[in-house]
Amino acid sequence: MRELVGLSQIALARRAGVSRMRLQLAEAGELELRPEENSALRKAVGDQAASLQRELSAQGLVPATV
């Protein structure tokens, strides 16, 4: 999901306040993140997705959402 919204591991980790190493291990299936880390990551990805949606909508590339 992070790649779909254009976030690198470093960018997502910084936005979510999670270490890049923990994110990398979680993505590799070698670590289970704490619930608060998962929430922070979901929020960071969601915020980026909303921003991308607004940007594409402003350019007329996708319909505006309500």
Protein backbone atom coordinates (compact mmCIF):
# COMPACT_ATOMS: atom_id res chain seq x y z
CA MET A 1 0.00 0.00 0.00
CA ARG A 2 2.77 2.46 0.85
CA GLU A 3 4.21 2.13 -2.66
CA LEU A 4 0.79 2.76 -4.23
CA VAL A 5 0.63 6.16 -2.53
CA GLY A 6 4.26 6.94 -3.34
CA LEU A 7 5.86 6.59 0.08
CA SER A 8 9.31 5.14 0.66
CA GLN A 9 9.96 3.14 3.81
CA ILE A 10 11.88 6.06 5.25
CA ALA A 11 9.13 8.58 4.48
CA LEU A 12 6.39 6.36 5.91
CA ALA A 13 8.42 5.51 9.00
CA ARG A 14 9.05 9.19 9.69
CA ARG A 15 5.41 10.18 9.17
CA ALA A 16 4.22 7.39 11.44
CA GLY A 17 6.92 7.73 14.09
CA VAL A 18 8.03 4.13 13.61
CA SER A 19 11.64 3.12 13.05
CA ARG A 20 12.50 2.26 9.47
CA MET A 21 14.04 -1.01 10.67
CA ARG A 22 10.80 -2.09 12.39
CA LEU A 23 8.83 -1.19 9.27
CA GLN A 24 11.27 -3.09 7.06
CA LEU A 25 11.06 -6.18 9.26
CA ALA A 26 7.27 -6.00 9.39
CA GLU A 27 7.03 -5.72 5.60
CA ALA A 28 9.28 -8.78 5.32
CA GLY A 29 7.00 -10.69 7.70
CA GLU A 30 9.72 -11.01 10.33
CA LEU A 31 8.15 -8.77 12.98
CA GLU A 32 4.65 -8.06 14.21
CA LEU A 33 4.13 -4.37 14.88
CA ARG A 34 2.42 -3.15 18.03
CA PRO A 35 -1.21 -2.03 17.61
CA GLU A 36 -0.28 1.63 18.05
CA GLU A 37 2.39 1.32 15.34
CA ASN A 38 -0.15 -0.25 12.96
CA SER A 39 -2.58 2.59 13.68
CA ALA A 40 0.08 5.23 13.05
CA LEU A 41 1.10 3.57 9.78
CA ARG A 42 -2.51 3.27 8.58
CA LYS A 43 -3.09 6.94 9.38
CA ALA A 44 0.09 8.02 7.56
CA VAL A 45 -0.81 5.98 4.46
CA GLY A 46 -4.41 7.21 4.57
CA ASP A 47 -3.32 10.83 4.89
CA GLN A 48 -0.99 10.42 1.91
CA ALA A 49 -3.72 8.69 -0.13
CA ALA A 50 -6.15 11.53 0.61
CA SER A 51 -3.53 14.10 -0.39
CA LEU A 52 -2.84 12.24 -3.63
CA GLN A 53 -6.58 12.02 -4.36
CA ARG A 54 -6.95 15.79 -3.89
CA GLU A 55 -3.96 16.50 -6.11
CA LEU A 56 -5.18 14.24 -8.93
CA SER A 57 -8.71 15.64 -8.62
CA ALA A 58 -7.41 19.21 -8.85
CA GLN A 59 -5.65 18.24 -12.06
CA GLY A 60 -8.84 16.69 -13.40
CA LEU A 61 -7.28 13.24 -13.57
CA VAL A 62 -9.77 11.58 -11.21
CA PRO A 63 -13.28 12.54 -10.07
CA ALA A 64 -13.54 14.56 -6.88
CA THR A 65 -14.79 12.70 -3.83
CA VAL A 66 -17.42 14.01 -1.50
